[in-house]
């Protein structure tokens, strides 16, 4: 009887692997959320079209400088 009770609290290799994988995934999700929150607070999602227009303006200025 004691052997059966002790085996309930034993962790198999599969249980340890699952615990490790879930821990790593949790840490990764926490890191991703922290980076997302940081970028949201800094305002990187306010105007997502602005970099496109800035790049087009810079390209136009560069082409004008090369042409003459």
C-alpha atoms as a PDB file:
ATOM      1  CA  UNK A   1       0.000   0.000   0.000  1.00  0.00           C
ATOM      2  CA  UNK A   2       2.814   2.397   0.818  1.00  0.00           C
ATOM      3  CA  UNK A   3       4.399   1.746  -2.564  1.00  0.00           C
ATOM      4  CA  UNK A   4       1.226   2.748  -4.417  1.00  0.00           C
ATOM      5  CA  UNK A   5       0.854   5.959  -2.414  1.00  0.00           C
ATOM      6  CA  UNK A   6       4.477   6.924  -3.038  1.00  0.00           C
ATOM      7  CA  UNK A   7       4.131   6.314  -6.774  1.00  0.00           C
ATOM      8  CA  UNK A   8       1.299   8.832  -6.968  1.00  0.00           C
ATOM      9  CA  UNK A   9       3.769  11.582  -6.092  1.00  0.00           C
ATOM     10  CA  UNK A  10       6.516  10.275  -8.372  1.00  0.00           C
ATOM     11  CA  UNK A  11       7.084  12.216 -11.559  1.00  0.00           C
ATOM     12  CA  UNK A  12       7.786  10.279 -14.695  1.00  0.00           C
ATOM     13  CA  UNK A  13      10.044  11.505 -17.450  1.00  0.00           C
ATOM     14  CA  UNK A  14       7.046  12.495 -19.550  1.00  0.00           C
ATOM     15  CA  UNK A  15       5.604  14.623 -16.749  1.00  0.00           C
ATOM     16  CA  UNK A  16       8.943  16.356 -16.268  1.00  0.00           C
ATOM     17  CA  UNK A  17       9.209  17.003 -20.008  1.00  0.00           C
ATOM     18  CA  UNK A  18       5.712  18.469 -20.146  1.00  0.00           C
ATOM     19  CA  UNK A  19       6.447  20.664 -17.119  1.00  0.00           C
ATOM     20  CA  UNK A  20       9.672  21.903 -18.740  1.00  0.00           C
ATOM     21  CA  UNK A  21       7.983  22.629 -22.081  1.00  0.00           C
ATOM     22  CA  UNK A  22       5.114  24.490 -20.417  1.00  0.00           C
ATOM     23  CA  UNK A  23       7.554  26.495 -18.298  1.00  0.00           C
ATOM     24  CA  UNK A  24       9.577  27.529 -21.342  1.00  0.00           C
ATOM     25  CA  UNK A  25       6.422  28.400 -23.278  1.00  0.00           C
ATOM     26  CA  UNK A  26       5.129  30.453 -20.350  1.00  0.00           C
ATOM     27  CA  UNK A  27       8.388  32.369 -20.083  1.00  0.00           C
ATOM     28  CA  UNK A  28       8.368  32.980 -23.839  1.00  0.00           C
ATOM     29  CA  UNK A  29       4.797  34.231 -23.770  1.00  0.00           C
ATOM     30  CA  UNK A  30       5.609  36.513 -20.850  1.00  0.00           C
ATOM     31  CA  UNK A  31       8.588  37.942 -22.743  1.00  0.00           C
ATOM     32  CA  UNK A  32       6.541  38.444 -25.898  1.00  0.00           C
ATOM     33  CA  UNK A  33       3.798  40.182 -23.929  1.00  0.00           C
ATOM     34  CA  UNK A  34       6.361  42.443 -22.227  1.00  0.00           C
ATOM     35  CA  UNK A  35       7.842  43.485 -25.591  1.00  0.00           C
ATOM     36  CA  UNK A  36       4.379  44.019 -27.052  1.00  0.00           C
ATOM     37  CA  UNK A  37       3.339  46.129 -24.069  1.00  0.00           C
ATOM     38  CA  UNK A  38       6.546  48.177 -24.310  1.00  0.00           C
ATOM     39  CA  UNK A  39       5.990  48.895 -28.000  1.00  0.00           C
ATOM     40  CA  UNK A  40       2.328  49.756 -27.356  1.00  0.00           C
ATOM     41  CA  UNK A  41       3.284  52.221 -24.613  1.00  0.00           C
ATOM     42  CA  UNK A  42       5.943  53.829 -26.833  1.00  0.00           C
ATOM     43  CA  UNK A  43       3.292  54.424 -29.500  1.00  0.00           C
ATOM     44  CA  UNK A  44       4.591  52.226 -32.288  1.00  0.00           C
ATOM     45  CA  UNK A  45       1.058  51.187 -33.250  1.00  0.00           C
ATOM     46  CA  UNK A  46      -0.505  54.655 -33.422  1.00  0.00           C
ATOM     47  CA  UNK A  47       0.303  55.341 -37.072  1.00  0.00           C
ATOM     48  CA  UNK A  48       1.451  52.200 -38.850  1.00  0.00           C
ATOM     49  CA  UNK A  49       1.383  53.875 -42.287  1.00  0.00           C
ATOM     50  CA  UNK A  50       3.859  56.646 -41.375  1.00  0.00           C
ATOM     51  CA  UNK A  51       7.049  54.607 -42.034  1.00  0.00           C
ATOM     52  CA  UNK A  52       5.800  53.740 -45.526  1.00  0.00           C
ATOM     53  CA  UNK A  53       5.263  57.372 -46.458  1.00  0.00           C
ATOM     54  CA  UNK A  54       8.578  58.406 -44.899  1.00  0.00           C
ATOM     55  CA  UNK A  55      10.376  55.741 -46.932  1.00  0.00           C
ATOM     56  CA  UNK A  56       8.677  56.902 -50.142  1.00  0.00           C
ATOM     57  CA  UNK A  57       9.646  60.528 -49.445  1.00  0.00           C
ATOM     58  CA  UNK A  58      13.261  59.555 -48.763  1.00  0.00           C
ATOM     59  CA  UNK A  59      13.368  57.469 -51.936  1.00  0.00           C
ATOM     60  CA  UNK A  60      12.008  60.387 -53.952  1.00  0.00           C
ATOM     61  CA  UNK A  61      14.621  62.758 -52.470  1.00  0.00           C
ATOM     62  CA  UNK A  62      17.365  60.227 -53.191  1.00  0.00           C
ATOM     63  CA  UNK A  63      16.231  59.865 -56.811  1.00  0.00           C
ATOM     64  CA  UNK A  64      16.159  63.654 -57.227  1.00  0.00           C
ATOM     65  CA  UNK A  65      19.678  63.926 -55.783  1.00  0.00           C
ATOM     66  CA  UNK A  66      20.989  61.256 -58.167  1.00  0.00           C
ATOM     67  CA  UNK A  67      19.316  62.790 -61.233  1.00  0.00           C
ATOM     68  CA  UNK A  68      20.605  66.218 -60.830  1.00  0.00           C
END
